[in-house]
ModelCIF file with pLDDT and N, C-alpha, C, O atoms, coordinates in Angstrom:
data_MODEL
#
_entry.id   MODEL 
#
_entity.id                         1 
_entity.type                       polymer 
_entity.pdbx_number_of_molecules   1 
#
_entity_poly.entity_id                      1 
_entity_poly.type                           'polypeptide(L)' 
_entity_poly.nstd_linkage                   no 
_entity_poly.nstd_monomer                   no 
_entity_poly.pdbx_seq_one_letter_code       ECNELMAHTYSHLFGLPTTGLRFFTVYGPWDRPDMALFLFTKAILES 
_entity_poly.pdbx_seq_one_letter_code_can   ECNELMAHTYSHLFGLPTTGLRFFTVYGPWDRPDMALFLFTKAILES 
_entity_poly.pdbx_strand_id                 A 
#
loop_
_entity_poly_seq.entity_id 
_entity_poly_seq.num 
_entity_poly_seq.mon_id 
_entity_poly_seq.hetero 
1 1  GLU n 
1 2  CYS n 
1 3  ASN n 
1 4  GLU n 
1 5  LEU n 
1 6  MET n 
1 7  ALA n 
1 8  HIS n 
1 9  THR n 
1 10 TYR n 
1 11 SER n 
1 12 HIS n 
1 13 LEU n 
1 14 PHE n 
1 15 GLY n 
1 16 LEU n 
1 17 PRO n 
1 18 THR n 
1 19 THR n 
1 20 GLY n 
1 21 LEU n 
1 22 ARG n 
1 23 PHE n 
1 24 PHE n 
1 25 THR n 
1 26 VAL n 
1 27 TYR n 
1 28 GLY n 
1 29 PRO n 
1 30 TRP n 
1 31 ASP n 
1 32 ARG n 
1 33 PRO n 
1 34 ASP n 
1 35 MET n 
1 36 ALA n 
1 37 LEU n 
1 38 PHE n 
1 39 LEU n 
1 40 PHE n 
1 41 THR n 
1 42 LYS n 
1 43 ALA n 
1 44 ILE n 
1 45 LEU n 
1 46 GLU n 
1 47 SER n 
#
_struct_asym.id          A 
_struct_asym.entity_id   1 
#
loop_
_ma_qa_metric.id 
_ma_qa_metric.mode 
_ma_qa_metric.name 
_ma_qa_metric.software_group_id 
_ma_qa_metric.type 
1 global pLDDT . pLDDT 
2 local  pLDDT . pLDDT 
#
_ma_qa_metric_global.metric_id      1 
_ma_qa_metric_global.metric_value   96.45 
_ma_qa_metric_global.model_id       1 
_ma_qa_metric_global.ordinal_id     1 
#
loop_
_ma_qa_metric_local.label_asym_id 
_ma_qa_metric_local.label_comp_id 
_ma_qa_metric_local.label_seq_id 
_ma_qa_metric_local.metric_id 
_ma_qa_metric_local.metric_value 
_ma_qa_metric_local.model_id 
_ma_qa_metric_local.ordinal_id 
A GLU 1  2 97.00 1 1  
A CYS 2  2 97.00 1 2  
A ASN 3  2 98.00 1 3  
A GLU 4  2 98.00 1 4  
A LEU 5  2 98.00 1 5  
A MET 6  2 98.00 1 6  
A ALA 7  2 98.00 1 7  
A HIS 8  2 98.00 1 8  
A THR 9  2 98.00 1 9  
A TYR 10 2 98.00 1 10 
A SER 11 2 98.00 1 11 
A HIS 12 2 98.00 1 12 
A LEU 13 2 98.00 1 13 
A PHE 14 2 98.00 1 14 
A GLY 15 2 97.00 1 15 
A LEU 16 2 98.00 1 16 
A PRO 17 2 98.00 1 17 
A THR 18 2 98.00 1 18 
A THR 19 2 98.00 1 19 
A GLY 20 2 98.00 1 20 
A LEU 21 2 98.00 1 21 
A ARG 22 2 98.00 1 22 
A PHE 23 2 97.00 1 23 
A PHE 24 2 97.00 1 24 
A THR 25 2 96.00 1 25 
A VAL 26 2 97.00 1 26 
A TYR 27 2 97.00 1 27 
A GLY 28 2 97.00 1 28 
A PRO 29 2 97.00 1 29 
A TRP 30 2 96.00 1 30 
A ASP 31 2 93.00 1 31 
A ARG 32 2 93.00 1 32 
A PRO 33 2 94.00 1 33 
A ASP 34 2 94.00 1 34 
A MET 35 2 93.00 1 35 
A ALA 36 2 94.00 1 36 
A LEU 37 2 95.00 1 37 
A PHE 38 2 96.00 1 38 
A LEU 39 2 96.00 1 39 
A PHE 40 2 96.00 1 40 
A THR 41 2 96.00 1 41 
A LYS 42 2 95.00 1 42 
A ALA 43 2 95.00 1 43 
A ILE 44 2 94.00 1 44 
A LEU 45 2 94.00 1 45 
A GLU 46 2 94.00 1 46 
A SER 47 2 94.00 1 47 
#
loop_
_atom_site.group_PDB 
_atom_site.id 
_atom_site.type_symbol 
_atom_site.label_atom_id 
_atom_site.label_alt_id 
_atom_site.label_comp_id 
_atom_site.label_asym_id 
_atom_site.label_entity_id 
_atom_site.label_seq_id 
_atom_site.pdbx_PDB_ins_code 
_atom_site.Cartn_x 
_atom_site.Cartn_y 
_atom_site.Cartn_z 
_atom_site.occupancy 
_atom_site.B_iso_or_equiv 
_atom_site.pdbx_formal_charge 
_atom_site.auth_seq_id 
_atom_site.auth_comp_id 
_atom_site.auth_asym_id 
_atom_site.auth_atom_id 
_atom_site.pdbx_PDB_model_num 
ATOM 1   N N  . GLU A 1 1  ? 1.013   9.088   -6.699  1.00 97.00 ? 1  GLU A N  1 
ATOM 2   C CA . GLU A 1 1  ? 1.204   9.397   -8.108  1.00 97.00 ? 1  GLU A CA 1 
ATOM 3   C C  . GLU A 1 1  ? 2.564   10.059  -8.330  1.00 97.00 ? 1  GLU A C  1 
ATOM 4   O O  . GLU A 1 1  ? 3.232   9.817   -9.335  1.00 97.00 ? 1  GLU A O  1 
ATOM 5   N N  . CYS A 1 2  ? 2.954   10.887  -7.387  1.00 97.00 ? 2  CYS A N  1 
ATOM 6   C CA . CYS A 1 2  ? 4.265   11.530  -7.470  1.00 97.00 ? 2  CYS A CA 1 
ATOM 7   C C  . CYS A 1 2  ? 5.374   10.478  -7.467  1.00 97.00 ? 2  CYS A C  1 
ATOM 8   O O  . CYS A 1 2  ? 6.341   10.595  -8.220  1.00 97.00 ? 2  CYS A O  1 
ATOM 9   N N  . ASN A 1 3  ? 5.240   9.458   -6.631  1.00 98.00 ? 3  ASN A N  1 
ATOM 10  C CA . ASN A 1 3  ? 6.219   8.368   -6.603  1.00 98.00 ? 3  ASN A CA 1 
ATOM 11  C C  . ASN A 1 3  ? 6.340   7.710   -7.977  1.00 98.00 ? 3  ASN A C  1 
ATOM 12  O O  . ASN A 1 3  ? 7.445   7.427   -8.441  1.00 98.00 ? 3  ASN A O  1 
ATOM 13  N N  . GLU A 1 4  ? 5.202   7.470   -8.622  1.00 98.00 ? 4  GLU A N  1 
ATOM 14  C CA . GLU A 1 4  ? 5.231   6.864   -9.951  1.00 98.00 ? 4  GLU A CA 1 
ATOM 15  C C  . GLU A 1 4  ? 5.963   7.748   -10.949 1.00 98.00 ? 4  GLU A C  1 
ATOM 16  O O  . GLU A 1 4  ? 6.746   7.261   -11.764 1.00 98.00 ? 4  GLU A O  1 
ATOM 17  N N  . LEU A 1 5  ? 5.705   9.053   -10.880 1.00 98.00 ? 5  LEU A N  1 
ATOM 18  C CA . LEU A 1 5  ? 6.350   9.982   -11.805 1.00 98.00 ? 5  LEU A CA 1 
ATOM 19  C C  . LEU A 1 5  ? 7.850   10.074  -11.544 1.00 98.00 ? 5  LEU A C  1 
ATOM 20  O O  . LEU A 1 5  ? 8.644   10.151  -12.481 1.00 98.00 ? 5  LEU A O  1 
ATOM 21  N N  . MET A 1 6  ? 8.230   10.066  -10.280 1.00 98.00 ? 6  MET A N  1 
ATOM 22  C CA . MET A 1 6  ? 9.654   10.099  -9.938  1.00 98.00 ? 6  MET A CA 1 
ATOM 23  C C  . MET A 1 6  ? 10.345  8.823   -10.428 1.00 98.00 ? 6  MET A C  1 
ATOM 24  O O  . MET A 1 6  ? 11.461  8.873   -10.946 1.00 98.00 ? 6  MET A O  1 
ATOM 25  N N  . ALA A 1 7  ? 9.674   7.686   -10.262 1.00 98.00 ? 7  ALA A N  1 
ATOM 26  C CA . ALA A 1 7  ? 10.238  6.423   -10.734 1.00 98.00 ? 7  ALA A CA 1 
ATOM 27  C C  . ALA A 1 7  ? 10.443  6.472   -12.243 1.00 98.00 ? 7  ALA A C  1 
ATOM 28  O O  . ALA A 1 7  ? 11.474  6.034   -12.751 1.00 98.00 ? 7  ALA A O  1 
ATOM 29  N N  . HIS A 1 8  ? 9.452   7.008   -12.955 1.00 98.00 ? 8  HIS A N  1 
ATOM 30  C CA . HIS A 1 8  ? 9.582   7.103   -14.404 1.00 98.00 ? 8  HIS A CA 1 
ATOM 31  C C  . HIS A 1 8  ? 10.784  7.962   -14.793 1.00 98.00 ? 8  HIS A C  1 
ATOM 32  O O  . HIS A 1 8  ? 11.507  7.635   -15.734 1.00 98.00 ? 8  HIS A O  1 
ATOM 33  N N  . THR A 1 9  ? 10.990  9.046   -14.076 1.00 98.00 ? 9  THR A N  1 
ATOM 34  C CA . THR A 1 9  ? 12.120  9.919   -14.371 1.00 98.00 ? 9  THR A CA 1 
ATOM 35  C C  . THR A 1 9  ? 13.442  9.184   -14.222 1.00 98.00 ? 9  THR A C  1 
ATOM 36  O O  . THR A 1 9  ? 14.330  9.340   -15.061 1.00 98.00 ? 9  THR A O  1 
ATOM 37  N N  . TYR A 1 10 ? 13.590  8.383   -13.168 1.00 98.00 ? 10 TYR A N  1 
ATOM 38  C CA . TYR A 1 10 ? 14.830  7.627   -12.962 1.00 98.00 ? 10 TYR A CA 1 
ATOM 39  C C  . TYR A 1 10 ? 14.975  6.516   -14.001 1.00 98.00 ? 10 TYR A C  1 
ATOM 40  O O  . TYR A 1 10 ? 16.083  6.192   -14.427 1.00 98.00 ? 10 TYR A O  1 
ATOM 41  N N  . SER A 1 11 ? 13.853  5.944   -14.398 1.00 98.00 ? 11 SER A N  1 
ATOM 42  C CA . SER A 1 11 ? 13.912  4.937   -15.468 1.00 98.00 ? 11 SER A CA 1 
ATOM 43  C C  . SER A 1 11 ? 14.400  5.580   -16.759 1.00 98.00 ? 11 SER A C  1 
ATOM 44  O O  . SER A 1 11 ? 15.201  4.997   -17.490 1.00 98.00 ? 11 SER A O  1 
ATOM 45  N N  . HIS A 1 12 ? 13.911  6.780   -17.032 1.00 98.00 ? 12 HIS A N  1 
ATOM 46  C CA . HIS A 1 12 ? 14.287  7.481   -18.263 1.00 98.00 ? 12 HIS A CA 1 
ATOM 47  C C  . HIS A 1 12 ? 15.726  7.992   -18.224 1.00 98.00 ? 12 HIS A C  1 
ATOM 48  O O  . HIS A 1 12 ? 16.480  7.789   -19.176 1.00 98.00 ? 12 HIS A O  1 
ATOM 49  N N  . LEU A 1 13 ? 16.109  8.647   -17.140 1.00 98.00 ? 13 LEU A N  1 
ATOM 50  C CA . LEU A 1 13 ? 17.425  9.272   -17.075 1.00 98.00 ? 13 LEU A CA 1 
ATOM 51  C C  . LEU A 1 13 ? 18.569  8.282   -16.825 1.00 98.00 ? 13 LEU A C  1 
ATOM 52  O O  . LEU A 1 13 ? 19.664  8.444   -17.363 1.00 98.00 ? 13 LEU A O  1 
ATOM 53  N N  . PHE A 1 14 ? 18.308  7.258   -16.006 1.00 98.00 ? 14 PHE A N  1 
ATOM 54  C CA . PHE A 1 14 ? 19.393  6.385   -15.562 1.00 98.00 ? 14 PHE A CA 1 
ATOM 55  C C  . PHE A 1 14 ? 19.210  4.919   -15.949 1.00 98.00 ? 14 PHE A C  1 
ATOM 56  O O  . PHE A 1 14 ? 20.040  4.076   -15.608 1.00 98.00 ? 14 PHE A O  1 
ATOM 57  N N  . GLY A 1 15 ? 18.115  4.612   -16.668 1.00 97.00 ? 15 GLY A N  1 
ATOM 58  C CA . GLY A 1 15 ? 17.896  3.230   -17.093 1.00 97.00 ? 15 GLY A CA 1 
ATOM 59  C C  . GLY A 1 15 ? 17.567  2.295   -15.950 1.00 97.00 ? 15 GLY A C  1 
ATOM 60  O O  . GLY A 1 15 ? 17.725  1.081   -16.080 1.00 97.00 ? 15 GLY A O  1 
ATOM 61  N N  . LEU A 1 16 ? 17.107  2.842   -14.822 1.00 98.00 ? 16 LEU A N  1 
ATOM 62  C CA . LEU A 1 16 ? 16.735  2.011   -13.678 1.00 98.00 ? 16 LEU A CA 1 
ATOM 63  C C  . LEU A 1 16 ? 15.375  1.369   -13.942 1.00 98.00 ? 16 LEU A C  1 
ATOM 64  O O  . LEU A 1 16 ? 14.379  2.084   -14.046 1.00 98.00 ? 16 LEU A O  1 
ATOM 65  N N  . PRO A 1 17 ? 15.304  0.044   -14.053 1.00 98.00 ? 17 PRO A N  1 
ATOM 66  C CA . PRO A 1 17 ? 13.999  -0.599  -14.240 1.00 98.00 ? 17 PRO A CA 1 
ATOM 67  C C  . PRO A 1 17 ? 13.138  -0.417  -12.987 1.00 98.00 ? 17 PRO A C  1 
ATOM 68  O O  . PRO A 1 17 ? 13.562  -0.784  -11.891 1.00 98.00 ? 17 PRO A O  1 
ATOM 69  N N  . THR A 1 18 ? 11.952  0.137   -13.137 1.00 98.00 ? 18 THR A N  1 
ATOM 70  C CA . THR A 1 18 ? 11.048  0.335   -12.001 1.00 98.00 ? 18 THR A CA 1 
ATOM 71  C C  . THR A 1 18 ? 9.663   -0.197  -12.344 1.00 98.00 ? 18 THR A C  1 
ATOM 72  O O  . THR A 1 18 ? 9.169   -0.012  -13.456 1.00 98.00 ? 18 THR A O  1 
ATOM 73  N N  . THR A 1 19 ? 9.052   -0.858  -11.377 1.00 98.00 ? 19 THR A N  1 
ATOM 74  C CA . THR A 1 19 ? 7.685   -1.361  -11.535 1.00 98.00 ? 19 THR A CA 1 
ATOM 75  C C  . THR A 1 19 ? 6.868   -0.947  -10.327 1.00 98.00 ? 19 THR A C  1 
ATOM 76  O O  . THR A 1 19 ? 7.201   -1.295  -9.194  1.00 98.00 ? 19 THR A O  1 
ATOM 77  N N  . GLY A 1 20 ? 5.798   -0.201  -10.570 1.00 98.00 ? 20 GLY A N  1 
ATOM 78  C CA . GLY A 1 20 ? 4.900   0.205   -9.499  1.00 98.00 ? 20 GLY A CA 1 
ATOM 79  C C  . GLY A 1 20 ? 3.698   -0.711  -9.428  1.00 98.00 ? 20 GLY A C  1 
ATOM 80  O O  . GLY A 1 20 ? 3.087   -1.026  -10.449 1.00 98.00 ? 20 GLY A O  1 
ATOM 81  N N  . LEU A 1 21 ? 3.358   -1.140  -8.226  1.00 98.00 ? 21 LEU A N  1 
ATOM 82  C CA . LEU A 1 21 ? 2.227   -2.031  -8.009  1.00 98.00 ? 21 LEU A CA 1 
ATOM 83  C C  . LEU A 1 21 ? 1.127   -1.262  -7.268  1.00 98.00 ? 21 LEU A C  1 
ATOM 84  O O  . LEU A 1 21 ? 1.315   -0.834  -6.129  1.00 98.00 ? 21 LEU A O  1 
ATOM 85  N N  . ARG A 1 22 ? 0.010   -1.099  -7.912  1.00 98.00 ? 22 ARG A N  1 
ATOM 86  C CA . ARG A 1 22 ? -1.111  -0.393  -7.301  1.00 98.00 ? 22 ARG A CA 1 
ATOM 87  C C  . ARG A 1 22 ? -1.961  -1.390  -6.516  1.00 98.00 ? 22 ARG A C  1 
ATOM 88  O O  . ARG A 1 22 ? -2.799  -2.091  -7.083  1.00 98.00 ? 22 ARG A O  1 
ATOM 89  N N  . PHE A 1 23 ? -1.734  -1.441  -5.217  1.00 97.00 ? 23 PHE A N  1 
ATOM 90  C CA . PHE A 1 23 ? -2.456  -2.370  -4.352  1.00 97.00 ? 23 PHE A CA 1 
ATOM 91  C C  . PHE A 1 23 ? -3.899  -1.899  -4.149  1.00 97.00 ? 23 PHE A C  1 
ATOM 92  O O  . PHE A 1 23 ? -4.160  -0.705  -4.003  1.00 97.00 ? 23 PHE A O  1 
ATOM 93  N N  . PHE A 1 24 ? -4.827  -2.855  -4.143  1.00 97.00 ? 24 PHE A N  1 
ATOM 94  C CA . PHE A 1 24 ? -6.242  -2.563  -3.919  1.00 97.00 ? 24 PHE A CA 1 
ATOM 95  C C  . PHE A 1 24 ? -6.688  -3.159  -2.588  1.00 97.00 ? 24 PHE A C  1 
ATOM 96  O O  . PHE A 1 24 ? -6.827  -4.376  -2.465  1.00 97.00 ? 24 PHE A O  1 
ATOM 97  N N  . THR A 1 25 ? -6.912  -2.297  -1.585  1.00 96.00 ? 25 THR A N  1 
ATOM 98  C CA . THR A 1 25 ? -7.472  -2.645  -0.273  1.00 96.00 ? 25 THR A CA 1 
ATOM 99  C C  . THR A 1 25 ? -6.955  -3.989  0.238   1.00 96.00 ? 25 THR A C  1 
ATOM 100 O O  . THR A 1 25 ? -7.689  -4.976  0.300   1.00 96.00 ? 25 THR A O  1 
ATOM 101 N N  . VAL A 1 26 ? -5.694  -3.997  0.596   1.00 97.00 ? 26 VAL A N  1 
ATOM 102 C CA . VAL A 1 26 ? -5.050  -5.217  1.087   1.00 97.00 ? 26 VAL A CA 1 
ATOM 103 C C  . VAL A 1 26 ? -5.520  -5.520  2.511   1.00 97.00 ? 26 VAL A C  1 
ATOM 104 O O  . VAL A 1 26 ? -5.654  -4.611  3.330   1.00 97.00 ? 26 VAL A O  1 
ATOM 105 N N  . TYR A 1 27 ? -5.769  -6.799  2.803   1.00 97.00 ? 27 TYR A N  1 
ATOM 106 C CA . TYR A 1 27 ? -6.170  -7.205  4.145   1.00 97.00 ? 27 TYR A CA 1 
ATOM 107 C C  . TYR A 1 27 ? -5.602  -8.586  4.431   1.00 97.00 ? 27 TYR A C  1 
ATOM 108 O O  . TYR A 1 27 ? -5.173  -9.294  3.521   1.00 97.00 ? 27 TYR A O  1 
ATOM 109 N N  . GLY A 1 28 ? -5.605  -8.964  5.714   1.00 97.00 ? 28 GLY A N  1 
ATOM 110 C CA . GLY A 1 28 ? -5.121  -10.285 6.089   1.00 97.00 ? 28 GLY A CA 1 
ATOM 111 C C  . GLY A 1 28 ? -4.312  -10.216 7.367   1.00 97.00 ? 28 GLY A C  1 
ATOM 112 O O  . GLY A 1 28 ? -4.214  -9.149  7.973   1.00 97.00 ? 28 GLY A O  1 
ATOM 113 N N  . PRO A 1 29 ? -3.722  -11.341 7.799   1.00 97.00 ? 29 PRO A N  1 
ATOM 114 C CA . PRO A 1 29 ? -2.891  -11.365 9.013   1.00 97.00 ? 29 PRO A CA 1 
ATOM 115 C C  . PRO A 1 29 ? -1.813  -10.281 8.988   1.00 97.00 ? 29 PRO A C  1 
ATOM 116 O O  . PRO A 1 29 ? -1.255  -9.960  7.939   1.00 97.00 ? 29 PRO A O  1 
ATOM 117 N N  . TRP A 1 30 ? -1.537  -9.729  10.163  1.00 96.00 ? 30 TRP A N  1 
ATOM 118 C CA . TRP A 1 30 ? -0.562  -8.647  10.343  1.00 96.00 ? 30 TRP A CA 1 
ATOM 119 C C  . TRP A 1 30 ? -1.035  -7.347  9.691   1.00 96.00 ? 30 TRP A C  1 
ATOM 120 O O  . TRP A 1 30 ? -0.228  -6.485  9.342   1.00 96.00 ? 30 TRP A O  1 
ATOM 121 N N  . ASP A 1 31 ? -2.348  -7.219  9.533   1.00 93.00 ? 31 ASP A N  1 
ATOM 122 C CA . ASP A 1 31 ? -2.925  -5.992  9.003   1.00 93.00 ? 31 ASP A CA 1 
ATOM 123 C C  . ASP A 1 31 ? -2.597  -4.821  9.928   1.00 93.00 ? 31 ASP A C  1 
ATOM 124 O O  . ASP A 1 31 ? -2.343  -5.016  11.117  1.00 93.00 ? 31 ASP A O  1 
ATOM 125 N N  . ARG A 1 32 ? -2.604  -3.598  9.375   1.00 93.00 ? 32 ARG A N  1 
ATOM 126 C CA . ARG A 1 32 ? -2.355  -2.413  10.188  1.00 93.00 ? 32 ARG A CA 1 
ATOM 127 C C  . ARG A 1 32 ? -3.522  -2.186  11.147  1.00 93.00 ? 32 ARG A C  1 
ATOM 128 O O  . ARG A 1 32 ? -4.677  -2.391  10.772  1.00 93.00 ? 32 ARG A O  1 
ATOM 129 N N  . PRO A 1 33 ? -3.233  -1.764  12.379  1.00 94.00 ? 33 PRO A N  1 
ATOM 130 C CA . PRO A 1 33 ? -4.307  -1.542  13.365  1.00 94.00 ? 33 PRO A CA 1 
ATOM 131 C C  . PRO A 1 33 ? -5.291  -0.446  12.983  1.00 94.00 ? 33 PRO A C  1 
ATOM 132 O O  . PRO A 1 33 ? -6.377  -0.377  13.558  1.00 94.00 ? 33 PRO A O  1 
ATOM 133 N N  . ASP A 1 34 ? -4.936  0.423   12.017  1.00 94.00 ? 34 ASP A N  1 
ATOM 134 C CA . ASP A 1 34 ? -5.862  1.487   11.631  1.00 94.00 ? 34 ASP A CA 1 
ATOM 135 C C  . ASP A 1 34 ? -6.712  1.114   10.423  1.00 94.00 ? 34 ASP A C  1 
ATOM 136 O O  . ASP A 1 34 ? -7.496  1.934   9.946   1.00 94.00 ? 34 ASP A O  1 
ATOM 137 N N  . MET A 1 35 ? -6.569  -0.108  9.924   1.00 93.00 ? 35 MET A N  1 
ATOM 138 C CA . MET A 1 35 ? -7.346  -0.537  8.772   1.00 93.00 ? 35 MET A CA 1 
ATOM 139 C C  . MET A 1 35 ? -8.694  -1.107  9.211   1.00 93.00 ? 35 MET A C  1 
ATOM 140 O O  . MET A 1 35 ? -8.856  -1.543  10.351  1.00 93.00 ? 35 MET A O  1 
ATOM 141 N N  . ALA A 1 36 ? -9.658  -1.096  8.287   1.00 94.00 ? 36 ALA A N  1 
ATOM 142 C CA . ALA A 1 36 ? -11.047 -1.407  8.626   1.00 94.00 ? 36 ALA A CA 1 
ATOM 143 C C  . ALA A 1 36 ? -11.227 -2.775  9.289   1.00 94.00 ? 36 ALA A C  1 
ATOM 144 O O  . ALA A 1 36 ? -11.890 -2.875  10.321  1.00 94.00 ? 36 ALA A O  1 
ATOM 145 N N  . LEU A 1 37 ? -10.653 -3.814  8.715   1.00 95.00 ? 37 LEU A N  1 
ATOM 146 C CA . LEU A 1 37 ? -10.881 -5.163  9.252   1.00 95.00 ? 37 LEU A CA 1 
ATOM 147 C C  . LEU A 1 37 ? -10.359 -5.275  10.674  1.00 95.00 ? 37 LEU A C  1 
ATOM 148 O O  . LEU A 1 37 ? -11.003 -5.887  11.526  1.00 95.00 ? 37 LEU A O  1 
ATOM 149 N N  . PHE A 1 38 ? -9.223  -4.704  10.934  1.00 96.00 ? 38 PHE A N  1 
ATOM 150 C CA . PHE A 1 38 ? -8.644  -4.726  12.278  1.00 96.00 ? 38 PHE A CA 1 
ATOM 151 C C  . PHE A 1 38 ? -9.539  -3.942  13.245  1.00 96.00 ? 38 PHE A C  1 
ATOM 152 O O  . PHE A 1 38 ? -9.839  -4.412  14.342  1.00 96.00 ? 38 PHE A O  1 
ATOM 153 N N  . LEU A 1 39 ? -9.960  -2.748  12.830  1.00 96.00 ? 39 LEU A N  1 
ATOM 154 C CA . LEU A 1 39 ? -10.817 -1.923  13.681  1.00 96.00 ? 39 LEU A CA 1 
ATOM 155 C C  . LEU A 1 39 ? -12.151 -2.598  13.963  1.00 96.00 ? 39 LEU A C  1 
ATOM 156 O O  . LEU A 1 39 ? -12.639 -2.581  15.093  1.00 96.00 ? 39 LEU A O  1 
ATOM 157 N N  . PHE A 1 40 ? -12.739 -3.194  12.926  1.00 96.00 ? 40 PHE A N  1 
ATOM 158 C CA . PHE A 1 40 ? -14.030 -3.864  13.093  1.00 96.00 ? 40 PHE A CA 1 
ATOM 159 C C  . PHE A 1 40 ? -13.904 -5.057  14.048  1.00 96.00 ? 40 PHE A C  1 
ATOM 160 O O  . PHE A 1 40 ? -14.738 -5.245  14.933  1.00 96.00 ? 40 PHE A O  1 
ATOM 161 N N  . THR A 1 41 ? -12.867 -5.844  13.859  1.00 96.00 ? 41 THR A N  1 
ATOM 162 C CA . THR A 1 41 ? -12.661 -7.030  14.707  1.00 96.00 ? 41 THR A CA 1 
ATOM 163 C C  . THR A 1 41 ? -12.489 -6.629  16.164  1.00 96.00 ? 41 THR A C  1 
ATOM 164 O O  . THR A 1 41 ? -13.103 -7.215  17.056  1.00 96.00 ? 41 THR A O  1 
ATOM 165 N N  . LYS A 1 42 ? -11.664 -5.644  16.393  1.00 95.00 ? 42 LYS A N  1 
ATOM 166 C CA . LYS A 1 42 ? -11.418 -5.180  17.764  1.00 95.00 ? 42 LYS A CA 1 
ATOM 167 C C  . LYS A 1 42 ? -12.713 -4.648  18.387  1.00 95.00 ? 42 LYS A C  1 
ATOM 168 O O  . LYS A 1 42 ? -12.994 -4.908  19.557  1.00 95.00 ? 42 LYS A O  1 
ATOM 169 N N  . ALA A 1 43 ? -13.488 -3.912  17.611  1.00 95.00 ? 43 ALA A N  1 
ATOM 170 C CA . ALA A 1 43 ? -14.740 -3.356  18.129  1.00 95.00 ? 43 ALA A CA 1 
ATOM 171 C C  . ALA A 1 43 ? -15.733 -4.457  18.480  1.00 95.00 ? 43 ALA A C  1 
ATOM 172 O O  . ALA A 1 43 ? -16.392 -4.386  19.517  1.00 95.00 ? 43 ALA A O  1 
ATOM 173 N N  . ILE A 1 44 ? -15.846 -5.465  17.635  1.00 94.00 ? 44 ILE A N  1 
ATOM 174 C CA . ILE A 1 44 ? -16.767 -6.565  17.898  1.00 94.00 ? 44 ILE A CA 1 
ATOM 175 C C  . ILE A 1 44 ? -16.393 -7.275  19.195  1.00 94.00 ? 44 ILE A C  1 
ATOM 176 O O  . ILE A 1 44 ? -17.257 -7.571  20.020  1.00 94.00 ? 44 ILE A O  1 
ATOM 177 N N  . LEU A 1 45 ? -15.104 -7.545  19.369  1.00 94.00 ? 45 LEU A N  1 
ATOM 178 C CA . LEU A 1 45 ? -14.654 -8.254  20.567  1.00 94.00 ? 45 LEU A CA 1 
ATOM 179 C C  . LEU A 1 45 ? -14.821 -7.417  21.832  1.00 94.00 ? 45 LEU A C  1 
ATOM 180 O O  . LEU A 1 45 ? -14.963 -7.957  22.929  1.00 94.00 ? 45 LEU A O  1 
ATOM 181 N N  . GLU A 1 46 ? -14.803 -6.085  21.670  1.00 94.00 ? 46 GLU A N  1 
ATOM 182 C CA . GLU A 1 46 ? -14.956 -5.199  22.827  1.00 94.00 ? 46 GLU A CA 1 
ATOM 183 C C  . GLU A 1 46 ? -16.382 -4.670  22.958  1.00 94.00 ? 46 GLU A C  1 
ATOM 184 O O  . GLU A 1 46 ? -16.655 -3.797  23.782  1.00 94.00 ? 46 GLU A O  1 
ATOM 185 N N  . SER A 1 47 ? -17.300 -5.212  22.129  1.00 94.00 ? 47 SER A N  1 
ATOM 186 C CA . SER A 1 47 ? -18.716 -4.825  22.156  1.00 94.00 ? 47 SER A CA 1 
ATOM 187 C C  . SER A 1 47 ? -18.893 -3.315  21.980  1.00 94.00 ? 47 SER A C  1 
ATOM 188 O O  . SER A 1 47 ? -20.021 -2.821  21.979  1.00 94.00 ? 47 SER A O  1 
#
């Protein structure tokens, strides 16, 4: 949220166009090893 507020400040003060994208539980190839799908897959394969 702080990032969004900082972006707004720069948009206001310096006219920098900023767009924040609120990602919702992203998953898929090259997922982070600490994310649920990766952890679950690894656990299943290792019993």
